[in-house]
Amino acid sequence: MSIASSRLFAFGAALAGVWFSFSVMAQEVPPDILVKTVTLEVIDIIAKDKDIQSGNQRKIVDLVEAKVLPHFNFTAMTRLAVATNWEKASADQKKQLTEEFKTLLVRTYSSALSAYRDQKFDFRPLRSKPTDTDVTVQVRIAQGGREPVTLEYDMEKTPSGWKAYDVRVGGVSLVANYRTEFANEIRTSGIDGLVKGLAAKNKGPTVKAEKK
């Protein structure tokens, strides 16, 4: 995955995670309305928070851990990313993979949030039925004279609210991109090798996203 694509994935996913921080709302409000309402509120908070704007990583990570983690289905995301190799993993390996993948995404989301600057959002109408429990919410992001980027959030309705299990940028899936990377690592070093590789990456320095 290119650095630019990774940043877009992370920024979109970070926003998606914060949308779902209102679990009661997620069960009562249509997903597209929820996305619009909470995203605009969160963007306003970020725009006014001098610590986040100045790159205070501890505060940014705290925000992600409080708002994002409870509302993503990391087990489903990891299972989809590991694909057929998931069934070959032991229970302990599955747990380790999920934890390391979650940590990787938290670090990436934190970097993306710190880089937010004045993007414009066009929230697209939701095409679904009231009885649907698996939907895709589309948002177009204008980035200062460049072509708008379309973000698509695949969400499922659960007893604890709407949860995200994939994010697509320009039609390209976050899960699918990691699937290729994970498959190559498992082919070379096995499942334990993937766990070690993710752990090493998570211990390294966070790559700061460029401010837009």
N, C-alpha and C. Protein backbone atom coordinates (compact mmCIF):
# COMPACT_ATOMS: atom_id res chain seq x y z
N MET A 1 0.85 -1.19 0.00
CA MET A 1 0.00 0.00 0.00
C MET A 1 0.88 1.23 0.00
N SER A 2 0.61 2.23 -0.84
CA SER A 2 1.40 3.45 -0.88
C SER A 2 1.15 4.26 0.38
N ILE A 3 2.13 5.17 0.70
CA ILE A 3 1.99 6.01 1.89
C ILE A 3 0.75 6.88 1.77
N ALA A 4 0.52 7.44 0.55
CA ALA A 4 -0.64 8.32 0.36
C ALA A 4 -1.94 7.57 0.58
N SER A 5 -2.04 6.36 0.02
CA SER A 5 -3.26 5.56 0.20
C SER A 5 -3.44 5.18 1.66
N SER A 6 -2.34 4.84 2.31
CA SER A 6 -2.41 4.46 3.72
C SER A 6 -2.95 5.60 4.56
N ARG A 7 -2.51 6.83 4.25
CA ARG A 7 -2.98 7.98 5.01
C ARG A 7 -4.46 8.23 4.79
N LEU A 8 -4.91 8.06 3.53
CA LEU A 8 -6.32 8.25 3.23
C LEU A 8 -7.16 7.20 3.93
N PHE A 9 -6.71 5.94 3.88
CA PHE A 9 -7.41 4.87 4.58
C PHE A 9 -7.52 5.20 6.05
N ALA A 10 -6.39 5.61 6.62
CA ALA A 10 -6.36 5.86 8.05
C ALA A 10 -7.26 7.03 8.43
N PHE A 11 -7.23 8.10 7.64
CA PHE A 11 -8.06 9.26 7.95
C PHE A 11 -9.53 8.89 7.89
N GLY A 12 -9.92 8.15 6.83
CA GLY A 12 -11.31 7.75 6.71
C GLY A 12 -11.73 6.81 7.82
N ALA A 13 -10.88 5.87 8.13
CA ALA A 13 -11.22 4.92 9.18
C ALA A 13 -11.26 5.58 10.54
N ALA A 14 -10.37 6.53 10.76
CA ALA A 14 -10.39 7.23 12.04
C ALA A 14 -11.69 7.96 12.23
N LEU A 15 -12.16 8.64 11.19
CA LEU A 15 -13.44 9.33 11.28
C LEU A 15 -14.57 8.34 11.50
N ALA A 16 -14.50 7.22 10.79
CA ALA A 16 -15.55 6.21 10.94
C ALA A 16 -15.62 5.73 12.37
N GLY A 17 -14.46 5.48 12.98
CA GLY A 17 -14.44 5.01 14.34
C GLY A 17 -15.06 6.00 15.31
N VAL A 18 -14.78 7.29 15.11
CA VAL A 18 -15.32 8.26 16.03
C VAL A 18 -16.81 8.43 15.83
N TRP A 19 -17.29 8.24 14.61
CA TRP A 19 -18.74 8.31 14.37
C TRP A 19 -19.48 7.37 15.30
N PHE A 20 -18.88 6.17 15.47
CA PHE A 20 -19.59 5.12 16.17
C PHE A 20 -19.44 5.21 17.68
N SER A 21 -18.89 6.32 18.16
CA SER A 21 -18.68 6.44 19.60
C SER A 21 -19.98 6.59 20.36
N PHE A 22 -21.05 6.95 19.68
CA PHE A 22 -22.35 7.05 20.33
C PHE A 22 -23.12 5.77 20.03
N SER A 23 -22.93 4.74 20.87
CA SER A 23 -23.50 3.43 20.56
C SER A 23 -25.02 3.44 20.59
N VAL A 24 -25.61 4.23 21.47
CA VAL A 24 -27.08 4.30 21.51
C VAL A 24 -27.60 4.93 20.22
N MET A 25 -26.96 6.03 19.80
CA MET A 25 -27.34 6.68 18.55
C MET A 25 -27.22 5.71 17.39
N ALA A 26 -26.15 4.90 17.40
CA ALA A 26 -25.90 3.99 16.28
C ALA A 26 -27.05 3.02 16.08
N GLN A 27 -27.76 2.71 17.16
CA GLN A 27 -28.88 1.77 17.05
C GLN A 27 -30.16 2.48 16.63
N GLU A 28 -30.29 3.78 16.89
CA GLU A 28 -31.55 4.47 16.67
C GLU A 28 -31.55 5.38 15.44
N VAL A 29 -30.39 5.85 15.01
CA VAL A 29 -30.29 6.80 13.91
C VAL A 29 -29.80 6.08 12.66
N PRO A 30 -30.37 6.36 11.48
CA PRO A 30 -29.86 5.76 10.23
C PRO A 30 -28.37 6.02 10.09
N PRO A 31 -27.62 5.06 9.57
CA PRO A 31 -26.16 5.19 9.53
C PRO A 31 -25.66 6.45 8.83
N ASP A 32 -26.31 6.85 7.73
CA ASP A 32 -25.82 8.03 7.02
C ASP A 32 -26.01 9.30 7.84
N ILE A 33 -27.13 9.40 8.56
CA ILE A 33 -27.37 10.56 9.42
C ILE A 33 -26.39 10.56 10.59
N LEU A 34 -26.15 9.38 11.14
CA LEU A 34 -25.18 9.25 12.22
C LEU A 34 -23.80 9.70 11.77
N VAL A 35 -23.39 9.25 10.60
CA VAL A 35 -22.08 9.60 10.06
C VAL A 35 -21.95 11.11 9.92
N LYS A 36 -22.95 11.73 9.32
CA LYS A 36 -22.89 13.18 9.08
C LYS A 36 -22.85 13.96 10.39
N THR A 37 -23.77 13.65 11.29
CA THR A 37 -23.89 14.41 12.53
C THR A 37 -22.64 14.33 13.39
N VAL A 38 -22.18 13.11 13.63
CA VAL A 38 -21.06 12.93 14.54
C VAL A 38 -19.74 13.33 13.90
N THR A 39 -19.58 13.09 12.60
CA THR A 39 -18.35 13.50 11.92
C THR A 39 -18.15 15.00 12.01
N LEU A 40 -19.21 15.75 11.73
CA LEU A 40 -19.09 17.21 11.78
C LEU A 40 -18.76 17.68 13.20
N GLU A 41 -19.33 17.01 14.19
CA GLU A 41 -19.04 17.38 15.57
C GLU A 41 -17.58 17.10 15.91
N VAL A 42 -17.08 15.93 15.49
CA VAL A 42 -15.71 15.55 15.80
C VAL A 42 -14.71 16.45 15.07
N ILE A 43 -15.02 16.76 13.81
CA ILE A 43 -14.15 17.65 13.05
C ILE A 43 -14.03 19.01 13.74
N ASP A 44 -15.14 19.48 14.28
CA ASP A 44 -15.12 20.76 14.99
C ASP A 44 -14.22 20.68 16.22
N ILE A 45 -14.28 19.56 16.93
CA ILE A 45 -13.43 19.37 18.12
C ILE A 45 -11.96 19.36 17.72
N ILE A 46 -11.62 18.61 16.66
CA ILE A 46 -10.24 18.54 16.21
C ILE A 46 -9.73 19.91 15.79
N ALA A 47 -10.58 20.65 15.07
CA ALA A 47 -10.17 21.96 14.57
C ALA A 47 -9.87 22.94 15.70
N LYS A 48 -10.51 22.74 16.85
CA LYS A 48 -10.34 23.66 17.98
C LYS A 48 -9.31 23.17 19.01
N ASP A 49 -8.86 21.95 18.85
CA ASP A 49 -7.94 21.38 19.83
C ASP A 49 -6.49 21.65 19.43
N LYS A 50 -5.86 22.58 20.11
CA LYS A 50 -4.50 22.99 19.78
C LYS A 50 -3.49 21.87 20.04
N ASP A 51 -3.76 21.04 21.04
CA ASP A 51 -2.84 19.94 21.33
C ASP A 51 -2.81 18.93 20.18
N ILE A 52 -3.99 18.57 19.67
CA ILE A 52 -4.05 17.64 18.55
C ILE A 52 -3.40 18.25 17.32
N GLN A 53 -3.68 19.52 17.07
CA GLN A 53 -3.11 20.19 15.90
C GLN A 53 -1.59 20.28 15.98
N SER A 54 -1.06 20.39 17.19
CA SER A 54 0.38 20.50 17.34
C SER A 54 1.06 19.14 17.40
N GLY A 55 0.26 18.06 17.31
CA GLY A 55 0.83 16.72 17.23
C GLY A 55 1.06 16.03 18.55
N ASN A 56 0.28 16.37 19.58
CA ASN A 56 0.39 15.71 20.87
C ASN A 56 -0.08 14.25 20.73
N GLN A 57 0.87 13.33 20.54
CA GLN A 57 0.54 11.94 20.24
C GLN A 57 -0.21 11.25 21.37
N ARG A 58 0.13 11.55 22.62
CA ARG A 58 -0.55 10.90 23.73
C ARG A 58 -2.03 11.26 23.75
N LYS A 59 -2.33 12.54 23.51
CA LYS A 59 -3.72 12.97 23.51
C LYS A 59 -4.47 12.39 22.31
N ILE A 60 -3.78 12.31 21.19
CA ILE A 60 -4.41 11.76 19.98
C ILE A 60 -4.70 10.27 20.17
N VAL A 61 -3.73 9.54 20.71
CA VAL A 61 -3.93 8.11 20.96
C VAL A 61 -5.05 7.88 21.96
N ASP A 62 -5.10 8.71 23.00
CA ASP A 62 -6.18 8.60 23.98
C ASP A 62 -7.54 8.79 23.32
N LEU A 63 -7.61 9.75 22.39
CA LEU A 63 -8.86 9.99 21.67
C LEU A 63 -9.26 8.78 20.85
N VAL A 64 -8.31 8.21 20.13
CA VAL A 64 -8.59 7.04 19.30
C VAL A 64 -9.01 5.85 20.17
N GLU A 65 -8.29 5.63 21.26
CA GLU A 65 -8.61 4.49 22.11
C GLU A 65 -9.99 4.63 22.75
N ALA A 66 -10.37 5.86 23.08
CA ALA A 66 -11.66 6.08 23.73
C ALA A 66 -12.81 6.02 22.74
N LYS A 67 -12.60 6.53 21.53
CA LYS A 67 -13.70 6.70 20.59
C LYS A 67 -13.75 5.65 19.49
N VAL A 68 -12.58 5.12 19.10
CA VAL A 68 -12.54 4.22 17.94
C VAL A 68 -12.61 2.75 18.33
N LEU A 69 -11.76 2.35 19.26
CA LEU A 69 -11.64 0.92 19.58
C LEU A 69 -12.95 0.22 19.90
N PRO A 70 -13.82 0.83 20.72
CA PRO A 70 -15.04 0.10 21.10
C PRO A 70 -16.02 -0.11 19.94
N HIS A 71 -15.78 0.54 18.82
CA HIS A 71 -16.80 0.56 17.78
C HIS A 71 -16.30 0.06 16.43
N PHE A 72 -15.20 -0.66 16.46
CA PHE A 72 -14.72 -1.38 15.29
C PHE A 72 -14.73 -2.86 15.61
N ASN A 73 -15.10 -3.67 14.64
CA ASN A 73 -15.05 -5.12 14.83
C ASN A 73 -13.66 -5.59 14.37
N PHE A 74 -12.68 -5.47 15.26
CA PHE A 74 -11.30 -5.80 14.90
C PHE A 74 -11.12 -7.29 14.63
N THR A 75 -11.88 -8.12 15.30
CA THR A 75 -11.77 -9.55 15.03
C THR A 75 -12.21 -9.85 13.60
N ALA A 76 -13.32 -9.26 13.18
CA ALA A 76 -13.79 -9.47 11.81
C ALA A 76 -12.80 -8.90 10.80
N MET A 77 -12.25 -7.71 11.09
CA MET A 77 -11.29 -7.09 10.17
C MET A 77 -10.04 -7.95 10.04
N THR A 78 -9.56 -8.47 11.17
CA THR A 78 -8.36 -9.30 11.13
C THR A 78 -8.63 -10.61 10.39
N ARG A 79 -9.78 -11.21 10.66
CA ARG A 79 -10.14 -12.46 9.99
C ARG A 79 -10.22 -12.26 8.47
N LEU A 80 -10.82 -11.15 8.04
CA LEU A 80 -10.92 -10.88 6.61
C LEU A 80 -9.55 -10.60 6.00
N ALA A 81 -8.68 -9.91 6.75
CA ALA A 81 -7.35 -9.58 6.23
C ALA A 81 -6.45 -10.81 6.15
N VAL A 82 -6.56 -11.70 7.12
CA VAL A 82 -5.74 -12.91 7.12
C VAL A 82 -6.30 -13.96 6.16
N ALA A 83 -7.61 -13.84 5.85
CA ALA A 83 -8.29 -14.68 4.85
C ALA A 83 -8.21 -16.16 5.22
N THR A 84 -7.88 -17.03 4.25
CA THR A 84 -7.94 -18.47 4.48
C THR A 84 -6.95 -18.94 5.55
N ASN A 85 -5.91 -18.15 5.77
CA ASN A 85 -4.93 -18.53 6.80
C ASN A 85 -5.49 -18.41 8.21
N TRP A 86 -6.61 -17.68 8.34
CA TRP A 86 -7.22 -17.53 9.67
C TRP A 86 -7.60 -18.87 10.27
N GLU A 87 -8.13 -19.76 9.45
CA GLU A 87 -8.56 -21.07 9.94
C GLU A 87 -7.37 -21.94 10.32
N LYS A 88 -6.19 -21.60 9.81
CA LYS A 88 -5.00 -22.38 10.14
C LYS A 88 -4.36 -21.91 11.44
N ALA A 89 -4.79 -20.75 11.92
CA ALA A 89 -4.20 -20.18 13.13
C ALA A 89 -4.82 -20.79 14.38
N SER A 90 -4.02 -20.92 15.42
CA SER A 90 -4.53 -21.40 16.70
C SER A 90 -5.30 -20.27 17.37
N ALA A 91 -6.01 -20.59 18.44
CA ALA A 91 -6.76 -19.57 19.17
C ALA A 91 -5.82 -18.48 19.69
N ASP A 92 -4.65 -18.89 20.18
CA ASP A 92 -3.69 -17.92 20.71
C ASP A 92 -3.13 -17.05 19.59
N GLN A 93 -2.87 -17.64 18.44
CA GLN A 93 -2.37 -16.86 17.30
C GLN A 93 -3.43 -15.86 16.81
N LYS A 94 -4.69 -16.28 16.80
CA LYS A 94 -5.76 -15.38 16.39
C LYS A 94 -5.84 -14.18 17.34
N LYS A 95 -5.71 -14.45 18.62
CA LYS A 95 -5.74 -13.37 19.61
C LYS A 95 -4.59 -12.40 19.41
N GLN A 96 -3.39 -12.95 19.19
CA GLN A 96 -2.21 -12.12 18.99
C GLN A 96 -2.33 -11.29 17.71
N LEU A 97 -2.80 -11.92 16.64
CA LEU A 97 -2.97 -11.21 15.37
C LEU A 97 -3.94 -10.05 15.51
N THR A 98 -5.06 -10.31 16.19
CA THR A 98 -6.07 -9.28 16.36
C THR A 98 -5.53 -8.12 17.18
N GLU A 99 -4.81 -8.41 18.26
CA GLU A 99 -4.26 -7.36 19.11
C GLU A 99 -3.21 -6.52 18.37
N GLU A 100 -2.33 -7.18 17.62
CA GLU A 100 -1.28 -6.45 16.91
C GLU A 100 -1.87 -5.64 15.75
N PHE A 101 -2.86 -6.18 15.07
CA PHE A 101 -3.50 -5.46 13.98
C PHE A 101 -4.24 -4.25 14.54
N LYS A 102 -4.90 -4.42 15.66
CA LYS A 102 -5.60 -3.31 16.30
C LYS A 102 -4.61 -2.21 16.68
N THR A 103 -3.48 -2.59 17.26
CA THR A 103 -2.47 -1.60 17.64
C THR A 103 -1.94 -0.86 16.42
N LEU A 104 -1.70 -1.59 15.35
CA LEU A 104 -1.22 -0.97 14.11
C LEU A 104 -2.21 0.07 13.59
N LEU A 105 -3.49 -0.27 13.59
CA LEU A 105 -4.50 0.65 13.09
C LEU A 105 -4.65 1.86 14.01
N VAL A 106 -4.57 1.65 15.33
CA VAL A 106 -4.66 2.77 16.27
C VAL A 106 -3.53 3.77 16.01
N ARG A 107 -2.32 3.26 15.81
CA ARG A 107 -1.18 4.14 15.54
C ARG A 107 -1.38 4.90 14.24
N THR A 108 -1.89 4.21 13.24
CA THR A 108 -2.09 4.85 11.94
C THR A 108 -3.21 5.88 12.02
N TYR A 109 -4.31 5.54 12.70
CA TYR A 109 -5.43 6.47 12.85
C TYR A 109 -4.98 7.74 13.59
N SER A 110 -4.14 7.53 14.62
CA SER A 110 -3.68 8.67 15.41
C SER A 110 -2.89 9.65 14.55
N SER A 111 -2.04 9.11 13.70
CA SER A 111 -1.26 9.95 12.80
C SER A 111 -2.17 10.69 11.83
N ALA A 112 -3.19 9.99 11.32
CA ALA A 112 -4.10 10.62 10.36
C ALA A 112 -4.91 11.74 11.00
N LEU A 113 -5.38 11.53 12.23
CA LEU A 113 -6.15 12.56 12.91
C LEU A 113 -5.33 13.82 13.14
N SER A 114 -4.06 13.65 13.47
CA SER A 114 -3.22 14.82 13.74
C SER A 114 -2.97 15.63 12.48
N ALA A 115 -3.18 15.02 11.29
CA ALA A 115 -2.92 15.70 10.03
C ALA A 115 -4.15 16.37 9.44
N TYR A 116 -5.31 16.21 10.07
CA TYR A 116 -6.54 16.80 9.52
C TYR A 116 -6.43 18.32 9.41
N ARG A 117 -6.79 18.84 8.22
CA ARG A 117 -6.82 20.28 8.01
C ARG A 117 -7.86 20.66 6.95
N ASP A 118 -9.04 21.09 7.39
CA ASP A 118 -9.99 21.80 6.53
C ASP A 118 -10.48 21.05 5.29
N GLN A 119 -10.51 19.72 5.31
CA GLN A 119 -11.12 19.01 4.21
C GLN A 119 -12.64 19.26 4.19
N LYS A 120 -13.23 19.23 3.02
CA LYS A 120 -14.67 19.43 2.88
C LYS A 120 -15.34 18.09 2.60
N PHE A 121 -16.48 17.87 3.26
CA PHE A 121 -17.15 16.57 3.18
C PHE A 121 -18.50 16.67 2.49
N ASP A 122 -18.74 15.72 1.61
CA ASP A 122 -20.02 15.61 0.92
C ASP A 122 -20.61 14.25 1.31
N PHE A 123 -21.61 14.26 2.17
CA PHE A 123 -22.19 13.02 2.67
C PHE A 123 -23.27 12.54 1.71
N ARG A 124 -23.06 11.38 1.11
CA ARG A 124 -23.94 10.87 0.07
C ARG A 124 -25.17 10.18 0.68
N PRO A 125 -26.32 10.25 -0.01
CA PRO A 125 -27.53 9.58 0.49
C PRO A 125 -27.30 8.07 0.61
N LEU A 126 -27.85 7.50 1.65
CA LEU A 126 -27.70 6.07 1.87
C LEU A 126 -28.71 5.30 1.03
N ARG A 127 -28.23 4.33 0.29
CA ARG A 127 -29.10 3.50 -0.53
C ARG A 127 -29.28 2.15 0.17
N SER A 128 -30.32 2.07 0.97
CA SER A 128 -30.58 0.84 1.70
C SER A 128 -32.03 0.82 2.15
N LYS A 129 -32.44 -0.34 2.66
CA LYS A 129 -33.78 -0.50 3.22
C LYS A 129 -33.69 -0.42 4.75
N PRO A 130 -34.76 0.00 5.39
CA PRO A 130 -34.75 0.10 6.86
C PRO A 130 -34.40 -1.20 7.56
N THR A 131 -34.66 -2.32 6.88
CA THR A 131 -34.40 -3.62 7.51
C THR A 131 -32.96 -4.10 7.30
N ASP A 132 -32.20 -3.40 6.48
CA ASP A 132 -30.82 -3.82 6.22
C ASP A 132 -29.97 -3.76 7.48
N THR A 133 -29.12 -4.74 7.64
CA THR A 133 -28.21 -4.77 8.80
C THR A 133 -26.74 -4.68 8.37
N ASP A 134 -26.51 -4.57 7.07
CA ASP A 134 -25.16 -4.43 6.53
C ASP A 134 -25.24 -3.39 5.42
N VAL A 135 -24.60 -2.25 5.61
CA VAL A 135 -24.74 -1.13 4.68
C VAL A 135 -23.38 -0.52 4.36
N THR A 136 -23.37 0.30 3.31
CA THR A 136 -22.18 1.06 2.95
C THR A 136 -22.54 2.54 2.91
N VAL A 137 -21.82 3.33 3.68
CA VAL A 137 -22.03 4.78 3.72
C VAL A 137 -20.91 5.44 2.92
N GLN A 138 -21.28 6.31 2.00
CA GLN A 138 -20.30 6.98 1.15
C GLN A 138 -20.12 8.44 1.55
N VAL A 139 -18.86 8.87 1.53
CA VAL A 139 -18.52 10.27 1.79
C VAL A 139 -17.47 10.68 0.77
N ARG A 140 -17.67 11.84 0.16
CA ARG A 140 -16.66 12.38 -0.75
C ARG A 140 -15.91 13.49 -0.04
N ILE A 141 -14.59 13.45 -0.16
CA ILE A 141 -13.75 14.44 0.51
C ILE A 141 -13.03 15.28 -0.53
N ALA A 142 -13.25 16.59 -0.47
CA ALA A 142 -12.55 17.54 -1.34
C ALA A 142 -11.26 17.96 -0.67
N GLN A 143 -10.16 17.94 -1.43
CA GLN A 143 -8.85 18.22 -0.86
C GLN A 143 -8.12 19.33 -1.61
N GLY A 144 -8.55 20.54 -1.41
CA GLY A 144 -7.83 21.70 -1.91
C GLY A 144 -7.43 21.68 -3.36
N GLY A 145 -8.40 21.59 -4.27
CA GLY A 145 -8.11 21.69 -5.69
C GLY A 145 -7.84 20.36 -6.38
N ARG A 146 -7.60 19.30 -5.62
CA ARG A 146 -7.38 17.99 -6.21
C ARG A 146 -8.71 17.27 -6.40
N GLU A 147 -8.65 16.15 -7.12
CA GLU A 147 -9.86 15.36 -7.35
C GLU A 147 -10.44 14.88 -6.02
N PRO A 148 -11.78 14.97 -5.85
CA PRO A 148 -12.39 14.46 -4.61
C PRO A 148 -12.09 12.97 -4.44
N VAL A 149 -11.98 12.56 -3.19
CA VAL A 149 -11.74 11.16 -2.86
C VAL A 149 -13.02 10.58 -2.27
N THR A 150 -13.43 9.42 -2.77
CA THR A 150 -14.62 8.77 -2.23
C THR A 150 -14.23 7.75 -1.18
N LEU A 151 -14.79 7.91 0.00
CA LEU A 151 -14.60 6.95 1.08
C LEU A 151 -15.88 6.15 1.26
N GLU A 152 -15.75 4.86 1.42
CA GLU A 152 -16.90 3.99 1.64
C GLU A 152 -16.67 3.18 2.91
N TYR A 153 -17.63 3.25 3.80
CA TYR A 153 -17.54 2.57 5.08
C TYR A 153 -18.52 1.41 5.10
N ASP A 154 -17.99 0.20 5.15
CA ASP A 154 -18.83 -0.99 5.28
C ASP A 154 -19.12 -1.21 6.75
N MET A 155 -20.41 -1.21 7.10
CA MET A 155 -20.82 -1.28 8.49
C MET A 155 -21.88 -2.36 8.69
N GLU A 156 -21.85 -2.95 9.86
CA GLU A 156 -22.85 -3.94 10.20
C GLU A 156 -23.54 -3.55 11.49
N LYS A 157 -24.84 -3.83 11.56
CA LYS A 157 -25.60 -3.52 12.77
C LYS A 157 -25.51 -4.70 13.72
N THR A 158 -25.08 -4.42 14.94
CA THR A 158 -24.93 -5.45 15.96
C THR A 158 -25.75 -5.05 17.18
N PRO A 159 -25.92 -5.95 18.13
CA PRO A 159 -26.67 -5.59 19.35
C PRO A 159 -26.08 -4.38 20.08
N SER A 160 -24.80 -4.10 19.88
CA SER A 160 -24.16 -2.97 20.55
C SER A 160 -24.00 -1.76 19.63
N GLY A 161 -24.66 -1.79 18.48
CA GLY A 161 -24.61 -0.65 17.57
C GLY A 161 -23.93 -0.97 16.25
N TRP A 162 -23.85 0.04 15.40
CA TRP A 162 -23.19 -0.11 14.10
C TRP A 162 -21.69 -0.18 14.28
N LYS A 163 -21.07 -1.17 13.64
CA LYS A 163 -19.62 -1.34 13.73
C LYS A 163 -19.02 -1.45 12.33
N ALA A 164 -17.84 -0.87 12.17
CA ALA A 164 -17.15 -0.90 10.89
C ALA A 164 -16.29 -2.15 10.77
N TYR A 165 -16.26 -2.73 9.58
CA TYR A 165 -15.38 -3.87 9.35
C TYR A 165 -14.53 -3.71 8.10
N ASP A 166 -14.69 -2.60 7.39
CA ASP A 166 -13.81 -2.30 6.26
C ASP A 166 -14.00 -0.85 5.84
N VAL A 167 -12.97 -0.29 5.23
CA VAL A 167 -13.00 1.06 4.68
C VAL A 167 -12.41 0.99 3.29
N ARG A 168 -13.06 1.64 2.33
CA ARG A 168 -12.55 1.66 0.95
C ARG A 168 -12.29 3.09 0.50
N VAL A 169 -11.17 3.30 -0.15
CA VAL A 169 -10.82 4.60 -0.72
C VAL A 169 -10.74 4.45 -2.23
N GLY A 170 -11.59 5.18 -2.93
CA GLY A 170 -11.62 5.05 -4.38
C GLY A 170 -11.90 3.63 -4.84
N GLY A 171 -12.68 2.90 -4.05
CA GLY A 171 -13.03 1.53 -4.40
C GLY A 171 -12.03 0.49 -3.94
N VAL A 172 -10.92 0.91 -3.36
CA VAL A 172 -9.88 -0.03 -2.92
C VAL A 172 -10.03 -0.29 -1.42
N SER A 173 -10.10 -1.55 -1.06
CA SER A 173 -10.38 -1.95 0.31
C SER A 173 -9.14 -1.95 1.20
N LEU A 174 -9.30 -1.39 2.41
CA LEU A 174 -8.25 -1.47 3.42
C LEU A 174 -7.94 -2.92 3.75
N VAL A 175 -8.97 -3.71 3.98
CA VAL A 175 -8.79 -5.11 4.33
C VAL A 175 -8.09 -5.86 3.20
N ALA A 176 -8.48 -5.60 1.96
CA ALA A 176 -7.87 -6.28 0.82
C ALA A 176 -6.39 -5.95 0.67
N ASN A 177 -6.02 -4.69 0.95
CA ASN A 177 -4.62 -4.31 0.87
C ASN A 177 -3.79 -5.03 1.91
N TYR A 178 -4.30 -5.09 3.12
CA TYR A 178 -3.57 -5.83 4.15
C TYR A 178 -3.58 -7.32 3.87
N ARG A 179 -4.62 -7.81 3.23
CA ARG A 179 -4.69 -9.24 2.91
C ARG A 179 -3.50 -9.66 2.06
N THR A 180 -3.16 -8.86 1.07
CA THR A 180 -2.01 -9.17 0.21
C THR A 180 -0.71 -9.16 1.01
N GLU A 181 -0.54 -8.12 1.83
CA GLU A 181 0.67 -8.00 2.65
C GLU A 181 0.78 -9.16 3.63
N PHE A 182 -0.33 -9.49 4.29
CA PHE A 182 -0.32 -10.57 5.27
C PHE A 182 -0.05 -11.92 4.61
N ALA A 183 -0.65 -12.15 3.45
CA ALA A 183 -0.45 -13.42 2.76
C ALA A 183 1.02 -13.62 2.39
N ASN A 184 1.66 -12.55 1.92
CA ASN A 184 3.08 -12.64 1.56
C ASN A 184 3.94 -12.94 2.78
N GLU A 185 3.62 -12.30 3.91
CA GLU A 185 4.39 -12.53 5.14
C GLU A 185 4.19 -13.96 5.65
N ILE A 186 2.96 -14.45 5.60
CA ILE A 186 2.69 -15.82 6.06
C ILE A 186 3.36 -16.83 5.14
N ARG A 187 3.37 -16.55 3.86
CA ARG A 187 4.01 -17.45 2.90
C ARG A 187 5.51 -17.56 3.19
N THR A 188 6.09 -16.45 3.61
CA THR A 188 7.53 -16.42 3.86
C THR A 188 7.90 -16.91 5.26
N SER A 189 7.14 -16.46 6.26
CA SER A 189 7.55 -16.70 7.66
C SER A 189 6.51 -17.40 8.52
N GLY A 190 5.36 -17.73 7.94
CA GLY A 190 4.32 -18.39 8.72
C GLY A 190 3.51 -17.40 9.55
N ILE A 191 2.51 -17.90 10.24
CA ILE A 191 1.63 -17.04 11.04
C ILE A 191 2.41 -16.38 12.18
N ASP A 192 3.30 -17.14 12.82
CA ASP A 192 4.11 -16.55 13.89
C ASP A 192 4.99 -15.43 13.35
N GLY A 193 5.45 -15.58 12.11
CA GLY A 193 6.25 -14.54 11.49
C GLY A 193 5.46 -13.27 11.27
N LEU A 194 4.19 -13.42 10.90
CA LEU A 194 3.33 -12.25 10.72
C LEU A 194 3.11 -11.55 12.06
N VAL A 195 2.86 -12.33 13.11
CA VAL A 195 2.68 -11.74 14.44
C VAL A 195 3.92 -10.95 14.85
N LYS A 196 5.10 -11.55 14.64
CA LYS A 196 6.35 -10.88 15.01
C LYS A 196 6.58 -9.63 14.17
N GLY A 197 6.23 -9.71 12.88
CA GLY A 197 6.40 -8.57 12.01
C GLY A 197 5.51 -7.40 12.42
N LEU A 198 4.27 -7.69 12.76
CA LEU A 198 3.36 -6.64 13.21
C LEU A 198 3.83 -6.05 14.54
N ALA A 199 4.29 -6.92 15.44
CA ALA A 199 4.77 -6.44 16.74
C ALA A 199 5.97 -5.52 16.57
N ALA A 200 6.88 -5.88 15.67
CA ALA A 200 8.06 -5.04 15.42
C ALA A 200 7.67 -3.70 14.84
N LYS A 201 6.71 -3.72 13.93
CA LYS A 201 6.24 -2.47 13.31
C LYS A 201 5.59 -1.58 14.37
N ASN A 202 4.85 -2.19 15.27
CA ASN A 202 4.16 -1.42 16.31
C ASN A 202 5.12 -0.82 17.34
N LYS A 203 6.30 -1.39 17.46
CA LYS A 203 7.29 -0.86 18.40
C LYS A 203 8.14 0.24 17.77
N GLY A 204 8.04 0.39 16.47
CA GLY A 204 8.83 1.40 15.77
C GLY A 204 8.20 2.77 15.89
N PRO A 205 8.89 3.79 15.38
CA PRO A 205 8.36 5.16 15.44
C PRO A 205 7.14 5.32 14.57
N THR A 206 6.20 6.13 15.01
CA THR A 206 5.00 6.43 14.24
C THR A 206 5.35 7.37 13.10
N VAL A 207 4.94 7.01 11.88
CA VAL A 207 5.17 7.89 10.74
C VAL A 207 4.10 8.96 10.71
N LYS A 208 4.50 10.19 10.81
CA LYS A 208 3.54 11.29 10.85
C LYS A 208 2.99 11.57 9.46
N ALA A 209 1.66 11.69 9.37
CA ALA A 209 1.02 12.03 8.11
C ALA A 209 1.23 13.49 7.80
N GLU A 210 1.28 13.83 6.51
CA GLU A 210 1.44 15.21 6.12
C GLU A 210 0.16 15.97 6.38
N LYS A 211 0.29 17.20 6.86
CA LYS A 211 -0.87 18.04 7.08
C LYS A 211 -1.37 18.54 5.74
N LYS A 212 -2.71 18.39 5.54
CA LYS A 212 -3.30 18.79 4.26
C LYS A 212 -3.77 20.22 4.29
